[in-house]
Protein backbone atom coordinates (compact mmCIF):
# COMPACT_ATOMS: atom_id res chain seq x y z
CA UNK A 1 0.00 0.00 0.00
CA UNK A 2 1.17 3.53 -0.78
CA UNK A 3 -0.33 6.63 0.83
CA UNK A 4 0.39 9.75 -1.20
CA UNK A 5 0.53 13.45 -0.29
CA UNK A 6 -0.93 13.24 3.21
CA UNK A 7 -0.23 15.87 5.85
CA UNK A 8 1.70 13.67 8.26
CA UNK A 9 1.31 14.80 11.88
CA UNK A 10 3.29 12.76 14.39
CA UNK A 11 3.93 14.29 17.83
CA UNK A 12 6.43 11.60 18.85
CA UNK A 13 8.77 12.50 15.98
CA UNK A 14 7.69 16.16 15.76
CA UNK A 15 6.62 15.79 12.13
CA UNK A 16 4.10 18.08 10.44
CA UNK A 17 4.80 17.79 6.73
CA UNK A 18 3.26 16.57 3.49
CA UNK A 19 4.77 13.13 2.84
CA UNK A 20 4.20 9.75 1.22
CA UNK A 21 4.20 6.53 3.24
CA UNK A 22 4.82 3.08 1.84
CA UNK A 23 3.51 0.06 3.74
CA UNK A 24 4.85 -3.43 3.21
CA UNK A 25 3.10 -6.23 5.07
CA UNK A 26 2.36 -4.96 8.58
CA UNK A 27 5.14 -2.36 8.69
CA UNK A 28 5.96 1.14 7.51
CA UNK A 29 8.59 0.49 4.85
CA UNK A 30 9.40 3.99 3.57
CA UNK A 31 8.62 7.62 4.32
CA UNK A 32 9.45 10.38 1.86
CA UNK A 33 8.35 12.65 -0.96
CA UNK A 34 7.53 11.64 -4.50
CA UNK A 35 7.52 7.91 -3.84
CA UNK A 36 6.67 5.91 -6.95
CA UNK A 37 3.91 3.35 -6.89
CA UNK A 38 4.19 -0.37 -7.51
CA UNK A 39 1.51 -1.20 -4.93
CA UNK A 40 -1.86 -2.85 -5.40
CA UNK A 41 -3.55 -0.02 -3.50
CA UNK A 42 -2.72 3.67 -3.61
CA UNK A 43 -4.51 6.08 -1.29
CA UNK A 44 -4.49 9.69 -2.43
CA UNK A 45 -4.45 11.66 0.84
CA UNK A 46 -4.02 15.19 -0.51
CA UNK A 47 -5.84 17.59 1.82
CA UNK A 48 -6.11 14.92 4.52
CA UNK A 49 -4.26 14.43 7.80
CA UNK A 50 -2.31 11.21 8.33
CA UNK A 51 -1.41 10.44 11.95
CA UNK A 52 -0.61 7.51 14.22
CA UNK A 53 -3.70 5.48 15.03
CA UNK A 54 -5.62 6.76 18.03
CA UNK A 55 -5.32 4.98 21.39
CA UNK A 56 -8.09 4.85 24.00
CA UNK A 57 -7.05 3.69 27.46
CA UNK A 58 -10.58 3.58 28.90
CA UNK A 59 -13.41 1.70 27.19
CA UNK A 60 -16.17 -0.69 28.19
CA UNK A 61 -16.94 -3.42 25.66
CA UNK A 62 -19.31 -5.18 28.12
CA UNK A 63 -17.69 -8.50 27.25
CA UNK A 64 -18.08 -10.92 28.96
CA UNK A 65 -21.45 -10.71 30.64
CA UNK A 66 -23.32 -7.81 29.02
CA UNK A 67 -22.86 -8.50 25.32
CA UNK A 68 -26.39 -7.37 24.48
CA UNK A 69 -24.95 -3.85 24.92
CA UNK A 70 -21.59 -4.38 23.20
CA UNK A 71 -19.09 -7.14 22.47
CA UNK A 72 -15.48 -7.33 21.37
CA UNK A 73 -16.30 -7.29 17.66
CA UNK A 74 -18.93 -4.53 17.67
CA UNK A 75 -16.84 -2.39 20.02
CA UNK A 76 -13.70 -2.76 17.94
CA UNK A 77 -15.61 -1.92 14.74
CA UNK A 78 -16.90 1.25 16.42
CA UNK A 79 -13.35 2.05 17.51
CA UNK A 80 -12.01 1.60 13.97
CA UNK A 81 -14.65 3.97 12.63
CA UNK A 82 -13.42 6.53 15.15
CA UNK A 83 -9.80 6.19 14.06
CA UNK A 84 -8.65 4.05 16.98
CA UNK A 85 -6.19 1.22 16.40
CA UNK A 86 -5.75 0.29 20.08
CA UNK A 87 -8.18 0.28 23.00
CA UNK A 88 -7.91 -0.83 26.61
CA UNK A 89 -11.02 -2.39 28.15
CA UNK A 90 -12.00 -2.05 31.79
CA UNK A 91 -12.53 -5.07 34.01
CA UNK A 92 -16.01 -4.52 35.51
CA UNK A 93 -17.35 -7.37 33.40
CA UNK A 94 -19.23 -10.49 34.46
CA UNK A 95 -17.29 -12.48 35.48
CA UNK A 96 -14.96 -9.73 36.64
CA UNK A 97 -11.52 -9.52 35.00
CA UNK A 98 -9.91 -10.78 38.19
CA UNK A 99 -8.95 -14.33 37.30
CA UNK A 100 -6.80 -16.28 34.88
CA UNK A 101 -9.62 -18.08 33.07
CA UNK A 102 -11.59 -14.95 32.20
CA UNK A 103 -8.48 -13.07 31.13
CA UNK A 104 -7.20 -15.88 28.90
CA UNK A 105 -10.60 -16.24 27.23
CA UNK A 106 -10.82 -12.49 26.59
CA UNK A 107 -7.33 -12.25 25.11
CA UNK A 108 -7.85 -15.26 22.87
CA UNK A 109 -11.10 -13.85 21.46
CA UNK A 110 -9.54 -10.39 21.08
CA UNK A 111 -7.11 -11.81 18.52
CA UNK A 112 -9.92 -11.91 15.95
CA UNK A 113 -10.77 -8.21 16.35
CA UNK A 114 -9.90 -5.75 13.56
CA UNK A 115 -7.81 -3.59 15.95
CA UNK A 116 -5.70 -4.10 19.08
CA UNK A 117 -8.06 -4.85 21.97
CA UNK A 118 -6.25 -4.93 25.30
CA UNK A 119 -7.58 -5.20 28.84
CA UNK A 120 -6.63 -4.29 32.37
CA UNK A 121 -7.13 -6.64 35.31
CA UNK A 122 -8.95 -5.54 38.43
CA UNK A 123 -7.07 -4.49 41.54
CA UNK A 124 -9.40 -6.37 43.86
CA UNK A 125 -11.40 -9.54 43.53
CA UNK A 126 -14.96 -8.85 42.41
CA UNK A 127 -14.18 -5.13 42.86
CA UNK A 128 -14.55 -5.55 46.62
CA UNK A 129 -11.66 -3.23 47.51
CA UNK A 130 -10.40 -5.59 50.21
CA UNK A 131 -8.80 -8.64 48.57
CA UNK A 132 -6.00 -8.37 46.00
CA UNK A 133 -6.04 -10.15 42.70
CA UNK A 134 -2.87 -11.95 41.62
CA UNK A 135 -1.21 -8.92 40.01
CA UNK A 136 1.90 -10.76 38.95
CA UNK A 137 0.09 -13.64 37.27
CA UNK A 138 -2.50 -11.49 35.49
CA UNK A 139 0.09 -9.06 34.16
CA UNK A 140 2.31 -11.92 33.00
CA UNK A 141 -0.64 -13.35 31.06
CA UNK A 142 -1.21 -10.10 29.17
CA UNK A 143 -3.23 -7.64 31.24
CA UNK A 144 -1.66 -4.22 30.61
CA UNK A 145 -2.60 -2.50 33.87
CA UNK A 146 -4.87 -2.51 36.90
CA UNK A 147 -8.11 -0.75 37.76
CA UNK A 148 -11.31 -1.17 39.76
CA UNK A 149 -12.97 1.34 37.42
CA UNK A 150 -16.61 1.93 38.28
CA UNK A 151 -15.84 1.54 41.98
CA UNK A 152 -13.73 3.77 44.20
CA UNK A 153 -10.99 2.14 46.31
CA UNK A 154 -11.85 3.61 49.72
CA UNK A 155 -9.27 1.86 51.90
CA UNK A 156 -6.12 3.99 51.83
CA UNK A 157 -3.93 1.27 53.26
CA UNK A 158 -5.16 -1.14 50.58
CA UNK A 159 -4.40 1.42 47.83
CA UNK A 160 -0.93 2.12 49.22
CA UNK A 161 -0.02 -1.56 49.16
CA UNK A 162 -1.55 -1.97 45.70
CA UNK A 163 0.57 0.89 44.35
CA UNK A 164 3.72 -0.58 45.87
CA UNK A 165 2.99 -3.96 44.28
CA UNK A 166 2.09 -2.45 40.91
CA UNK A 167 5.26 -0.35 40.85
CA UNK A 168 7.37 -3.52 40.95
CA UNK A 169 5.56 -4.64 37.78
CA UNK A 170 5.94 -1.18 36.19
CA UNK A 171 2.21 -0.82 35.52
CA UNK A 172 -0.16 1.99 36.54
CA UNK A 173 -3.26 1.73 38.69
CA UNK A 174 -6.16 3.66 37.13
CA UNK A 175 -8.55 5.15 39.66
CA UNK A 176 -12.24 6.02 39.54
CA UNK A 177 -12.37 8.97 41.92
CA UNK A 178 -15.79 9.47 43.48
CA UNK A 179 -16.38 9.19 47.22
CA UNK A 180 -19.84 7.63 47.25
CA UNK A 181 -20.42 8.77 50.85
CA UNK A 182 -20.59 12.33 49.54
CA UNK A 183 -22.95 11.61 46.62
CA UNK A 184 -26.70 12.08 46.84
CA UNK A 185 -27.26 10.32 43.51
CA UNK A 186 -24.71 9.67 40.75
CA UNK A 187 -24.57 10.88 37.17
CA UNK A 188 -25.91 14.45 37.46
CA UNK A 189 -24.03 17.47 38.81
CA UNK A 190 -25.42 18.63 42.14
CA UNK A 191 -26.90 22.11 41.78
CA UNK A 192 -29.69 23.94 40.00
CA UNK A 193 -29.89 21.35 37.22
CA UNK A 194 -30.17 18.39 39.59
CA UNK A 195 -32.91 20.23 41.49
CA UNK A 196 -34.81 20.88 38.26
CA UNK A 197 -34.47 17.21 37.29
CA UNK A 198 -35.59 16.07 40.73
CA UNK A 199 -32.44 14.15 41.70
CA UNK A 200 -30.00 14.71 44.56
CA UNK A 201 -26.94 14.81 42.34
CA UNK A 202 -23.21 14.35 42.81
CA UNK A 203 -21.21 17.33 44.11
CA UNK A 204 -17.72 18.17 42.88
CA UNK A 205 -16.25 17.56 46.33
CA UNK A 206 -16.99 13.84 45.94
CA UNK A 207 -14.37 13.81 43.17
CA UNK A 208 -11.69 16.22 44.27
CA UNK A 209 -11.68 15.07 47.91
CA UNK A 210 -10.98 11.49 46.77
CA UNK A 211 -8.29 12.66 44.36
CA UNK A 212 -6.62 14.69 47.11
CA UNK A 213 -6.54 11.69 49.42
CA UNK A 214 -5.22 9.29 46.82
CA UNK A 215 -2.51 11.62 45.54
CA UNK A 216 -1.38 12.24 49.12
CA UNK A 217 -1.06 8.47 49.43
CA UNK A 218 0.85 8.54 46.14
CA UNK A 219 3.53 10.71 47.74
CA UNK A 220 4.46 7.72 49.87
CA UNK A 221 4.97 5.22 47.06
CA UNK A 222 6.82 4.85 43.77
CA UNK A 223 3.61 3.63 42.18
CA UNK A 224 2.02 5.30 39.16
CA UNK A 225 -1.50 6.65 39.76
CA UNK A 226 -3.63 7.33 36.71
CA UNK A 227 -6.70 9.45 37.50
CA UNK A 228 -9.64 8.64 35.26
CA UNK A 229 -12.24 10.97 33.71
CA UNK A 230 -11.73 14.13 35.76
CA UNK A 231 -14.64 16.54 35.58
CA UNK A 232 -14.04 19.75 37.53
CA UNK A 233 -11.78 22.75 38.04
CA UNK A 234 -10.66 21.73 41.53
CA UNK A 235 -9.47 18.35 40.29
CA UNK A 236 -7.29 20.01 37.66
CA UNK A 237 -5.76 22.32 40.25
CA UNK A 238 -5.12 19.52 42.73
CA UNK A 239 -3.48 17.27 40.14
CA UNK A 240 -1.31 20.15 38.96
CA UNK A 241 -0.17 20.74 42.55
CA UNK A 242 0.70 17.12 43.21
CA UNK A 243 2.55 16.90 39.90
CA UNK A 244 4.67 19.83 41.09
CA UNK A 245 5.53 17.79 44.20
CA UNK A 246 6.83 14.97 42.04
CA UNK A 247 4.00 12.49 42.54
CA UNK A 248 3.92 10.01 39.66
CA UNK A 249 0.46 10.82 38.36
CA UNK A 250 -1.21 11.06 34.96
CA UNK A 251 -4.83 11.85 34.21
CA UNK A 252 -7.45 11.77 31.49
CA UNK A 253 -10.55 13.69 30.44
CA UNK A 254 -13.42 12.48 28.27
CA UNK A 255 -14.73 14.36 25.23
CA UNK A 256 -18.07 14.60 27.04
CA UNK A 257 -16.57 16.65 29.86
CA UNK A 258 -14.93 19.20 27.54
CA UNK A 259 -17.94 19.32 25.17
CA UNK A 260 -21.03 19.50 27.40
CA UNK A 261 -22.24 21.44 30.45
CA UNK A 262 -24.81 20.41 33.03
CA UNK A 263 -27.58 22.57 31.57
CA UNK A 264 -27.40 20.43 28.42
CA UNK A 265 -29.03 17.65 30.44
CA UNK A 266 -32.24 19.67 30.49
CA UNK A 267 -32.42 18.96 26.75
CA UNK A 268 -30.70 15.57 26.35
CA UNK A 269 -31.89 14.01 29.61
CA UNK A 270 -30.50 10.60 30.53
CA UNK A 271 -28.28 10.55 27.42
CA UNK A 272 -26.09 12.99 29.35
CA UNK A 273 -26.00 10.99 32.57
CA UNK A 274 -22.42 9.87 33.23
CA UNK A 275 -20.11 9.20 36.18
CA UNK A 276 -18.61 11.59 37.15
CA UNK A 277 -21.23 14.08 35.95
CA UNK A 278 -21.01 16.79 33.35
CA UNK A 279 -20.29 19.97 35.32
CA UNK A 280 -20.59 23.73 34.72
CA UNK A 281 -19.00 25.95 32.07
CA UNK A 282 -16.25 27.08 34.46
CA UNK A 283 -15.30 23.42 34.90
CA UNK A 284 -15.35 22.76 31.15
CA UNK A 285 -13.04 25.71 30.60
CA UNK A 286 -10.70 24.52 33.35
CA UNK A 287 -10.50 21.09 31.72
CA UNK A 288 -9.63 22.71 28.40
CA UNK A 289 -6.95 24.79 30.11
CA UNK A 290 -5.63 21.61 31.73
CA UNK A 291 -5.26 20.07 28.29
CA UNK A 292 -3.48 23.19 27.03
CA UNK A 293 -0.93 23.35 29.87
CA UNK A 294 -0.46 19.55 29.99
CA UNK A 295 -1.86 19.07 33.47
CA UNK A 296 -4.26 16.68 31.70
CA UNK A 297 -2.15 14.16 29.83
CA UNK A 298 -4.66 12.48 27.57
CA UNK A 299 -8.19 12.14 26.25
CA UNK A 300 -10.02 8.85 26.87
CA UNK A 301 -13.61 8.17 25.93
CA UNK A 302 -14.97 5.99 28.78
CA UNK A 303 -17.04 4.44 25.96
CA UNK A 304 -20.05 3.09 27.87
CA UNK A 305 -22.77 1.40 25.79
CA UNK A 306 -26.30 0.94 27.12
CA UNK A 307 -29.48 -0.18 25.39
CA UNK A 308 -32.08 2.30 24.20
CA UNK A 309 -34.61 0.82 26.64
CA UNK A 310 -32.25 1.37 29.56
CA UNK A 311 -31.51 4.96 28.59
CA UNK A 312 -35.19 5.77 28.01
CA UNK A 313 -35.87 5.34 31.72
CA UNK A 314 -36.36 8.37 33.94
CA UNK A 315 -33.00 10.04 34.57
CA UNK A 316 -33.07 8.94 38.20
CA UNK A 317 -33.12 5.27 37.10
CA UNK A 318 -31.25 5.25 33.80
CA UNK A 319 -27.69 3.84 33.91
CA UNK A 320 -24.78 6.24 33.63
CA UNK A 321 -22.67 6.20 30.50
CA UNK A 322 -22.26 7.65 27.00
CA UNK A 323 -20.93 6.15 23.78
CA UNK A 324 -17.57 7.65 22.90
CA UNK A 325 -15.41 5.94 20.31
CA UNK A 326 -17.09 7.02 17.08
CA UNK A 327 -17.43 10.71 17.96
CA UNK A 328 -14.24 11.36 20.00
CA UNK A 329 -12.02 12.72 17.23
CA UNK A 330 -14.83 14.89 15.87
CA UNK A 331 -15.52 16.35 19.30
CA UNK A 332 -11.84 17.09 19.78
CA UNK A 333 -11.61 18.86 16.44
CA UNK A 334 -14.91 20.72 16.88
CA UNK A 335 -14.50 21.82 20.50
CA UNK A 336 -10.72 22.04 20.92
CA UNK A 337 -9.03 22.61 17.55
CA UNK A 338 -11.54 24.79 15.69
CA UNK A 339 -11.92 27.28 18.60
CA UNK A 340 -8.10 27.53 18.81
CA UNK A 341 -7.55 25.81 22.15
CA UNK A 342 -5.31 23.04 20.77
CA UNK A 343 -3.41 22.51 17.56
CA UNK A 344 -3.98 19.30 15.61
CA UNK A 345 -0.50 18.23 16.75
CA UNK A 346 -1.49 18.65 20.39
CA UNK A 347 -4.83 16.90 19.93
CA UNK A 348 -3.13 13.88 18.35
CA UNK A 349 -0.61 13.87 21.19
CA UNK A 350 -3.50 13.67 23.69
CA UNK A 351 -5.34 10.98 21.70
CA UNK A 352 -2.45 8.82 20.49
CA UNK A 353 1.08 9.50 21.72
CA UNK A 354 0.37 10.06 25.41
CA UNK A 355 -2.21 7.27 25.84
CA UNK A 356 0.24 4.86 24.17
CA UNK A 357 2.95 6.02 26.56
CA UNK A 358 0.81 5.10 29.58
CA UNK A 359 1.11 1.40 28.75
CA UNK A 360 4.33 1.56 26.74
CA UNK A 361 2.60 0.74 23.45
CA UNK A 362 4.52 1.33 20.23
CA UNK A 363 3.50 4.53 18.48
CA UNK A 364 4.85 6.99 15.96
CA UNK A 365 5.26 7.11 12.19
CA UNK A 366 8.71 5.60 11.90
CA UNK A 367 10.24 3.26 9.35
CA UNK A 368 9.99 -0.27 10.72
CA UNK A 369 7.08 0.47 13.06
CA UNK A 370 3.79 -1.37 12.71
CA UNK A 371 1.53 0.55 10.33
CA UNK A 372 -1.23 1.67 12.71
CA UNK A 373 -2.53 4.86 11.12
CA UNK A 374 -5.59 7.05 10.74
CA UNK A 375 -6.35 9.31 7.79
CA UNK A 376 -8.96 12.00 8.38
CA UNK A 377 -10.31 15.29 7.08
CA UNK A 378 -10.42 17.85 9.91
CA UNK A 379 -12.39 20.36 7.84
CA UNK A 380 -15.17 18.13 6.57
CA UNK A 381 -18.40 18.10 8.55
CA UNK A 382 -20.59 15.11 9.29
CA UNK A 383 -23.86 14.44 11.03
CA UNK A 384 -23.92 11.28 13.14
CA UNK A 385 -27.15 9.47 12.31
CA UNK A 386 -26.12 5.91 13.13
CA UNK A 387 -23.41 3.99 15.00
CA UNK A 388 -21.43 0.80 14.50
CA UNK A 389 -21.71 0.13 18.21
CA UNK A 390 -24.56 -2.17 19.23
CA UNK A 391 -25.88 0.71 21.32
CA UNK A 392 -26.98 4.24 20.43
CA UNK A 393 -26.74 6.13 23.71
CA UNK A 394 -25.05 9.25 22.33
CA UNK A 395 -26.16 12.85 22.84
CA UNK A 396 -24.37 13.74 19.58
CA UNK A 397 -26.80 11.96 17.28
CA UNK A 398 -27.98 14.34 14.54
CA UNK A 399 -25.35 16.91 15.58
CA UNK A 400 -23.07 18.35 12.91
CA UNK A 401 -19.41 18.04 13.88
CA UNK A 402 -16.10 18.68 12.16
CA UNK A 403 -13.76 15.78 11.42
CA UNK A 404 -14.34 12.70 9.27
CA UNK A 405 -12.22 9.56 9.48
CA UNK A 406 -11.52 8.37 5.93
CA UNK A 407 -9.31 5.33 6.64
CA UNK A 408 -8.17 3.44 9.70
CA UNK A 409 -5.21 1.15 9.09
CA UNK A 410 -4.12 -1.54 11.55
CA UNK A 411 -1.16 -3.83 10.98
CA UNK A 412 -0.92 -2.51 7.44
CA UNK A 413 -4.52 -3.39 6.54
CA UNK A 414 -7.48 -1.07 6.03
CA UNK A 415 -9.94 -1.91 8.83
CA UNK A 416 -12.28 1.03 8.22
CA UNK A 417 -12.99 2.98 5.05
CA UNK A 418 -15.44 5.88 4.76
CA UNK A 419 -17.56 5.08 1.72
Foldseek 3Di string as FASTA:
>chain_A
DKEAQAQEFELVVRGGHGWMWDDDFQFTADIGHPDDDPDPDYHYQHLWYKYFFFEFAAEAQQPPPRCLFHHLALVLLQLFQLRHQEYEYEQLHVVGQQDDVRLVVNVVVNVPHPHHYAYAHEQAHNLPLPHGGPRVVSVVSGHLAYESPPDANPDLVSLLVSQQVVVVVPAAYEGQQFQVVQAQAAFAEADPLCVVLVGRHGYLCRRQVRVLSNLVSLVVHQGAYEYEARAFLSNLVSLVVSVVVVRRYAYEHELLRLQDARVCCVVLPLLQGAVHHRHHPNGSVSVLVCLLVVSHQAYHHNADTDAPVLSPDRNRRRDHHHGGSNCRVQSCLFRQPVVPSDPPSSNSRRGHVRVCVNSVHDITRDGPDGPFMWMKNQADKDAAQDGSGSHDSHPRHRPITGMGTAFTAGSRHTSDGDD
